[in-house]
N, C-alpha and C. Protein backbone atom coordinates (compact mmCIF):
# COMPACT_ATOMS: atom_id res chain seq x y z
N MET A 1 15.77 -25.26 -6.84
CA MET A 1 16.14 -24.53 -5.30
C MET A 1 17.53 -24.12 -5.13
N GLN A 2 17.74 -23.03 -4.51
CA GLN A 2 18.68 -22.35 -3.71
C GLN A 2 19.73 -23.78 -3.00
N SER A 3 21.08 -23.44 -2.72
CA SER A 3 21.93 -24.55 -2.02
C SER A 3 21.60 -24.14 -0.38
N GLY A 4 21.05 -24.49 0.46
CA GLY A 4 20.72 -24.75 1.97
C GLY A 4 19.29 -24.00 1.99
N THR A 5 18.14 -24.12 0.84
CA THR A 5 16.95 -23.69 1.30
C THR A 5 16.36 -24.91 1.21
N SER A 6 15.45 -24.75 2.01
CA SER A 6 14.52 -26.28 2.68
C SER A 6 13.31 -26.00 1.94
N SER A 7 13.06 -26.96 1.37
CA SER A 7 11.28 -26.73 0.44
C SER A 7 10.24 -26.13 1.46
N GLY A 8 10.35 -26.54 2.44
CA GLY A 8 9.48 -25.32 3.47
C GLY A 8 9.35 -24.37 3.27
N GLU A 9 11.12 -23.94 3.80
CA GLU A 9 11.29 -22.48 3.29
C GLU A 9 10.77 -21.63 2.03
N LEU A 10 10.91 -22.54 1.03
CA LEU A 10 10.60 -22.13 -0.05
C LEU A 10 9.05 -22.34 -0.45
N ARG A 11 8.44 -23.10 -0.02
CA ARG A 11 7.43 -23.07 0.46
C ARG A 11 5.91 -21.93 0.87
N ASP A 12 6.86 -21.79 2.34
CA ASP A 12 6.61 -20.52 2.78
C ASP A 12 6.78 -19.04 1.99
N ALA A 13 7.83 -19.14 1.47
CA ALA A 13 8.28 -17.73 0.42
C ALA A 13 7.29 -17.51 -0.52
N VAL A 14 6.49 -18.79 -1.25
CA VAL A 14 5.82 -18.83 -2.38
C VAL A 14 4.50 -18.60 -1.86
N THR A 15 4.29 -18.66 -0.50
CA THR A 15 2.63 -19.09 -0.38
C THR A 15 2.42 -17.78 0.69
N ASP A 16 3.22 -17.06 0.73
CA ASP A 16 3.68 -15.72 1.72
C ASP A 16 2.86 -14.73 0.55
N ASN A 17 1.68 -14.11 1.19
CA ASN A 17 0.81 -13.06 0.18
C ASN A 17 1.53 -11.47 -0.11
N ALA A 18 2.71 -11.25 -0.03
CA ALA A 18 3.23 -10.27 -0.23
C ALA A 18 2.94 -9.51 -1.45
N LEU A 19 2.88 -8.67 -1.86
CA LEU A 19 2.80 -7.99 -3.40
C LEU A 19 3.47 -6.47 -3.38
N THR A 20 3.14 -5.82 -4.51
CA THR A 20 3.96 -4.60 -4.64
C THR A 20 3.07 -4.07 -5.56
N LEU A 21 2.40 -2.84 -5.00
CA LEU A 21 1.75 -1.48 -5.53
C LEU A 21 2.47 -0.16 -5.44
N ILE A 22 2.42 0.52 -6.96
CA ILE A 22 3.05 1.11 -7.39
C ILE A 22 1.44 2.31 -7.66
N GLY A 23 1.33 3.43 -7.16
CA GLY A 23 0.39 4.09 -7.23
C GLY A 23 0.54 5.53 -6.78
N THR A 24 -0.33 6.49 -6.90
CA THR A 24 -1.20 7.85 -6.32
C THR A 24 -1.64 8.16 -4.80
N LEU A 25 -1.15 8.76 -4.14
CA LEU A 25 -2.46 8.72 -2.80
C LEU A 25 -3.13 9.85 -3.26
N THR A 26 -4.66 9.21 -3.07
CA THR A 26 -5.97 10.11 -3.13
C THR A 26 -6.22 10.89 -2.35
N ARG A 27 -5.42 10.87 -1.13
CA ARG A 27 -5.91 12.23 -0.16
C ARG A 27 -4.68 11.74 0.95
N ASP A 28 -4.64 12.86 1.66
CA ASP A 28 -3.40 12.83 2.68
C ASP A 28 -3.75 11.75 3.69
N PRO A 29 -2.41 10.98 3.71
CA PRO A 29 -3.10 9.84 4.97
C PRO A 29 -3.11 10.35 6.35
N THR A 30 -3.99 9.54 6.62
CA THR A 30 -4.62 9.94 8.03
C THR A 30 -3.92 8.89 9.23
N ILE A 31 -4.19 9.62 10.30
CA ILE A 31 -3.05 8.58 11.42
C ILE A 31 -4.66 8.30 12.85
N SER A 32 -4.26 7.77 13.52
CA SER A 32 -4.92 7.33 14.63
C SER A 32 -4.35 6.56 15.52
N THR A 33 -4.89 5.98 16.66
CA THR A 33 -4.15 5.21 17.66
C THR A 33 -5.19 3.97 18.10
N VAL A 34 -4.90 2.96 17.78
CA VAL A 34 -5.69 1.81 17.93
C VAL A 34 -5.16 0.78 19.04
N GLY A 35 -5.76 0.11 19.10
CA GLY A 35 -5.50 -1.41 20.56
C GLY A 35 -4.73 -0.43 21.55
N ARG A 36 -3.36 -0.82 21.88
CA ARG A 36 -2.99 -0.13 23.18
C ARG A 36 -1.76 0.68 22.87
N GLY A 37 -2.31 1.38 22.20
CA GLY A 37 -1.54 2.92 21.61
C GLY A 37 -0.71 2.72 20.70
N THR A 38 -1.12 1.94 19.60
CA THR A 38 -0.45 1.64 18.54
C THR A 38 -0.91 2.55 17.32
N ARG A 39 -0.20 3.19 16.86
CA ARG A 39 -0.39 4.40 15.48
C ARG A 39 -0.40 3.56 14.54
N MET A 40 -1.77 3.99 13.91
CA MET A 40 -2.32 3.45 12.47
C MET A 40 -2.61 4.45 11.85
N CYS A 41 -1.79 4.52 10.18
CA CYS A 41 -2.00 5.16 9.30
C CYS A 41 -3.12 4.53 7.73
N ARG A 42 -3.81 5.68 7.85
CA ARG A 42 -4.78 4.79 6.46
C ARG A 42 -4.42 5.69 5.37
N PHE A 43 -4.39 5.32 4.15
CA PHE A 43 -4.62 6.24 2.82
C PHE A 43 -5.16 5.05 1.77
N THR A 44 -5.24 5.76 0.54
CA THR A 44 -6.08 5.12 -0.39
C THR A 44 -5.08 5.37 -1.40
N LEU A 45 -4.24 4.05 -2.04
CA LEU A 45 -3.70 4.30 -3.13
C LEU A 45 -4.25 4.08 -4.49
N ALA A 46 -4.32 4.59 -5.93
CA ALA A 46 -4.84 4.52 -6.63
C ALA A 46 -3.89 3.83 -7.93
N MET A 47 -4.19 3.14 -8.50
CA MET A 47 -3.24 2.66 -9.63
C MET A 47 -4.21 2.81 -11.23
N SER A 48 -3.80 3.30 -12.09
CA SER A 48 -4.24 3.17 -13.19
C SER A 48 -3.53 2.51 -14.40
N HIS A 49 -4.12 1.93 -15.55
CA HIS A 49 -3.20 1.35 -16.61
C HIS A 49 -3.77 2.26 -17.56
N GLN A 50 -3.51 1.93 -19.04
CA GLN A 50 -3.98 2.29 -19.81
C GLN A 50 -4.02 0.97 -20.76
N TYR A 51 -5.05 0.98 -21.63
CA TYR A 51 -5.16 0.44 -22.77
C TYR A 51 -6.17 0.45 -23.66
N LYS A 52 -5.92 -0.36 -25.04
CA LYS A 52 -6.92 0.12 -26.14
C LYS A 52 -7.78 -0.46 -26.53
N GLU A 53 -9.12 -0.42 -27.23
CA GLU A 53 -10.12 -0.93 -27.34
C GLU A 53 -10.58 -0.50 -28.66
N GLY A 54 -9.71 -1.11 -29.71
CA GLY A 54 -9.88 -0.66 -31.06
C GLY A 54 -8.44 0.64 -31.52
N ASP A 55 -9.31 1.91 -32.00
CA ASP A 55 -8.53 2.80 -32.08
C ASP A 55 -8.94 3.72 -30.59
N VAL A 56 -9.59 3.42 -29.55
CA VAL A 56 -9.87 4.03 -28.46
C VAL A 56 -8.70 3.97 -27.29
N LYS A 57 -8.13 5.11 -26.92
CA LYS A 57 -7.56 4.88 -25.95
C LYS A 57 -8.24 4.72 -24.32
N LYS A 58 -8.12 4.00 -23.36
CA LYS A 58 -8.84 4.05 -22.59
C LYS A 58 -7.93 3.90 -20.76
N THR A 59 -8.31 4.38 -19.85
CA THR A 59 -7.82 4.42 -19.08
C THR A 59 -9.04 3.49 -17.29
N GLN A 60 -8.13 2.90 -16.95
CA GLN A 60 -8.86 1.91 -15.66
C GLN A 60 -7.82 2.21 -14.68
N THR A 61 -8.98 2.84 -13.51
CA THR A 61 -8.15 2.94 -12.25
C THR A 61 -9.13 2.10 -10.99
N ASN A 62 -8.15 1.58 -10.54
CA ASN A 62 -8.32 1.22 -9.50
C ASN A 62 -8.11 0.94 -8.14
N TYR A 63 -8.82 1.09 -7.03
CA TYR A 63 -8.41 2.05 -6.08
C TYR A 63 -8.42 0.89 -4.56
N TYR A 64 -7.24 1.27 -3.75
CA TYR A 64 -6.67 0.01 -2.48
C TYR A 64 -6.80 1.04 -1.43
N GLU A 65 -7.06 0.20 -0.30
CA GLU A 65 -7.34 0.65 0.94
C GLU A 65 -6.14 0.16 1.60
N VAL A 66 -5.05 1.02 1.95
CA VAL A 66 -3.86 0.40 2.99
C VAL A 66 -3.60 1.17 4.31
N ARG A 67 -3.61 0.12 5.05
CA ARG A 67 -2.89 0.33 6.42
C ARG A 67 -1.41 0.03 7.04
N SER A 68 -0.96 1.02 7.29
CA SER A 68 0.81 0.89 8.21
C SER A 68 0.39 1.25 9.34
N PHE A 69 1.44 0.78 10.44
CA PHE A 69 1.59 0.66 11.74
C PHE A 69 2.70 1.22 12.12
N ALA A 70 2.62 1.62 13.36
CA ALA A 70 3.75 1.65 14.21
C ALA A 70 4.55 3.05 13.81
N ASP A 71 6.10 2.72 13.69
CA ASP A 71 6.84 3.61 13.33
C ASP A 71 6.70 3.88 11.67
N LEU A 72 6.39 3.30 10.64
CA LEU A 72 6.00 3.31 9.63
C LEU A 72 4.95 4.32 9.10
N ALA A 73 3.64 4.09 10.15
CA ALA A 73 2.45 4.87 9.45
C ALA A 73 3.17 6.26 10.35
N VAL A 74 3.56 6.40 11.13
CA VAL A 74 4.05 8.04 11.50
C VAL A 74 4.51 8.67 10.88
N ASN A 75 6.08 7.95 10.40
CA ASN A 75 7.02 8.66 9.35
C ASN A 75 6.50 8.47 8.22
N PHE A 76 5.14 7.94 7.41
CA PHE A 76 4.60 7.95 6.35
C PHE A 76 3.64 9.30 6.67
N ALA A 77 3.11 9.47 7.50
CA ALA A 77 2.09 10.00 7.53
C ALA A 77 2.56 11.69 7.63
N GLU A 78 3.81 11.65 8.17
CA GLU A 78 4.51 12.61 8.18
C GLU A 78 4.93 13.52 7.35
N SER A 79 5.44 12.41 5.93
CA SER A 79 6.40 13.04 4.88
C SER A 79 5.47 12.69 3.51
N CYS A 80 4.41 12.29 3.47
CA CYS A 80 3.93 12.16 2.40
C CYS A 80 2.44 12.85 2.17
N ARG A 81 1.86 13.31 0.97
CA ARG A 81 0.45 14.24 0.82
C ARG A 81 -0.15 13.26 -0.43
N ARG A 82 -1.17 14.00 -0.50
CA ARG A 82 -2.08 13.73 -1.37
C ARG A 82 -1.51 14.12 -2.84
N GLY A 83 -1.66 13.08 -3.65
CA GLY A 83 -0.83 13.09 -5.27
C GLY A 83 0.28 12.55 -5.34
N ASP A 84 1.25 12.29 -3.98
CA ASP A 84 2.50 11.76 -4.26
C ASP A 84 2.33 10.23 -4.81
N SER A 85 3.26 9.83 -5.49
CA SER A 85 3.55 8.53 -6.03
C SER A 85 4.34 7.98 -5.32
N VAL A 86 3.82 6.64 -4.84
CA VAL A 86 4.28 6.00 -4.16
C VAL A 86 4.59 4.24 -4.34
N ILE A 87 5.42 3.65 -3.40
CA ILE A 87 5.62 2.23 -4.03
C ILE A 87 5.04 1.41 -2.39
N VAL A 88 4.45 0.56 -2.65
CA VAL A 88 4.16 0.03 -1.02
C VAL A 88 3.99 -1.64 -1.53
N VAL A 89 4.90 -2.32 -0.56
CA VAL A 89 5.42 -3.34 -0.46
C VAL A 89 4.36 -3.93 0.75
N GLY A 90 3.25 -4.93 0.88
CA GLY A 90 2.69 -5.51 1.83
C GLY A 90 1.96 -7.09 1.75
N LYS A 91 1.19 -6.86 2.64
CA LYS A 91 0.15 -8.51 2.39
C LYS A 91 -1.11 -8.04 2.24
N LEU A 92 -1.57 -8.70 1.72
CA LEU A 92 -3.14 -8.61 1.16
C LEU A 92 -4.16 -8.88 2.18
N SER A 93 -4.91 -8.76 2.72
CA SER A 93 -5.95 -9.12 3.63
C SER A 93 -7.35 -9.09 3.10
N GLN A 94 -8.01 -9.85 3.75
CA GLN A 94 -9.47 -10.08 3.21
C GLN A 94 -10.54 -10.47 4.29
N HIS A 95 -11.27 -9.75 4.48
CA HIS A 95 -12.59 -9.94 5.72
C HIS A 95 -13.79 -9.98 5.45
N THR A 96 -14.56 -10.72 5.96
CA THR A 96 -16.28 -10.62 5.53
C THR A 96 -16.78 -9.96 6.83
N HIS A 97 -17.59 -8.74 6.73
CA HIS A 97 -18.26 -8.51 8.08
C HIS A 97 -19.64 -8.10 7.59
N ILE A 98 -20.80 -7.98 8.49
CA ILE A 98 -22.40 -7.41 8.16
C ILE A 98 -22.16 -5.94 8.10
N ASP A 99 -22.65 -5.53 7.09
CA ASP A 99 -23.25 -4.05 6.77
C ASP A 99 -24.36 -4.12 6.51
N SER A 100 -25.78 -3.33 7.29
CA SER A 100 -27.17 -2.97 7.24
C SER A 100 -27.52 -4.35 6.82
N GLY A 101 -27.09 -5.57 7.58
CA GLY A 101 -27.63 -7.04 7.23
C GLY A 101 -27.17 -7.93 6.43
N LYS A 102 -26.25 -7.49 5.57
CA LYS A 102 -25.79 -8.03 4.07
C LYS A 102 -24.66 -8.25 4.53
N PRO A 103 -23.84 -9.27 4.09
CA PRO A 103 -22.38 -9.44 4.00
C PRO A 103 -21.42 -8.47 3.07
N SER A 104 -20.33 -7.79 3.78
CA SER A 104 -19.83 -7.36 2.60
C SER A 104 -18.32 -7.85 2.94
N THR A 105 -17.27 -7.71 1.77
CA THR A 105 -16.23 -8.49 2.06
C THR A 105 -15.37 -6.93 1.72
N VAL A 106 -14.31 -6.85 2.46
CA VAL A 106 -13.12 -5.63 2.29
C VAL A 106 -11.84 -6.43 2.12
N VAL A 107 -11.31 -5.73 1.18
CA VAL A 107 -9.70 -6.18 0.79
C VAL A 107 -8.75 -5.09 1.19
N GLU A 108 -7.69 -5.37 2.04
CA GLU A 108 -6.96 -4.24 2.49
C GLU A 108 -5.64 -4.55 2.23
N ILE A 109 -4.75 -3.87 2.06
CA ILE A 109 -3.38 -4.16 2.46
C ILE A 109 -2.38 -3.71 3.24
N PHE A 110 -1.60 -4.39 3.85
CA PHE A 110 -1.11 -4.12 5.15
C PHE A 110 0.28 -3.91 4.91
N ALA A 111 0.93 -2.92 5.27
CA ALA A 111 1.65 -2.27 4.41
C ALA A 111 3.02 -2.41 5.22
N GLN A 112 4.05 -2.87 4.61
CA GLN A 112 5.16 -3.33 5.74
C GLN A 112 6.31 -2.19 5.12
N HIS A 113 6.45 -1.63 3.41
CA HIS A 113 7.52 -0.97 3.59
C HIS A 113 6.78 0.16 2.38
N ILE A 114 7.19 1.67 2.72
CA ILE A 114 6.45 2.32 1.73
C ILE A 114 7.71 3.33 1.42
N GLY A 115 7.71 3.60 0.37
CA GLY A 115 8.68 4.50 -0.36
C GLY A 115 8.03 5.35 -1.50
N LEU A 116 8.50 6.64 -1.83
CA LEU A 116 7.97 7.09 -2.62
C LEU A 116 8.72 6.85 -3.93
N ASP A 117 8.27 6.99 -5.18
CA ASP A 117 8.70 6.51 -6.74
C ASP A 117 9.51 7.49 -7.01
N PHE A 118 10.70 7.85 -7.20
CA PHE A 118 11.17 8.59 -7.83
C PHE A 118 11.29 8.47 -9.18
N LEU A 119 10.63 7.79 -9.85
CA LEU A 119 11.15 7.93 -11.20
C LEU A 119 9.08 8.60 -11.58
N GLN A 120 8.59 9.26 -10.94
CA GLN A 120 7.67 9.71 -11.09
C GLN A 120 7.99 11.19 -10.62
N GLN A 121 8.66 11.49 -9.56
CA GLN A 121 9.02 12.48 -8.59
C GLN A 121 10.17 12.45 -8.01
N SER A 122 10.52 13.92 -7.88
CA SER A 122 11.48 14.36 -6.70
C SER A 122 11.43 14.73 -5.54
N THR A 123 12.10 14.77 -4.56
CA THR A 123 11.43 15.42 -3.53
C THR A 123 13.14 16.53 -2.61
N PRO A 124 12.87 17.68 -2.67
CA PRO A 124 13.89 18.38 -2.37
C PRO A 124 14.63 17.70 -0.98
N PHE A 125 15.76 17.92 -1.07
CA PHE A 125 16.91 17.51 0.15
C PHE A 125 16.72 18.88 0.88
N ASP A 126 16.44 18.52 2.42
CA ASP A 126 16.60 19.58 3.41
C ASP A 126 18.16 19.12 4.22
N GLU A 127 18.92 19.95 4.16
CA GLU A 127 20.27 19.93 4.72
C GLU A 127 19.98 20.42 6.40
N SER A 128 18.80 20.87 6.50
CA SER A 128 18.50 21.13 7.96
C SER A 128 18.35 20.20 8.70
N ALA A 129 17.51 19.03 8.14
CA ALA A 129 17.14 17.93 8.68
C ALA A 129 18.12 16.93 9.40
N GLU A 130 17.91 16.84 10.58
CA GLU A 130 18.85 15.88 11.48
C GLU A 130 18.50 14.53 11.88
């Protein structure tokens, strides 16, 4: 444990459900207004990994629903498009609701930080932007 870090602070940091995802946007982000005028952006992130079964190379893709809010939502929606490779740091949220009379569980990521993955792509610098 670091000097000056209490066991409570360490426990809070460990139990915080933050995660990092790196993937590709499957569609353009959509932005809407919720609650008391808060801007919200929704997008789907696809993450693929390759593996081998014997001599056969296979790919598995998982899809994650992501939401961001306020300035992050607006800035992201204005800056990124389908096919962009992005890094998302956020919190995992799971809730259950009734859908057609049956319980349905939804897992979502609430983004706290989003950035382009410059290992996978570059973006042109616009000198005219202020």
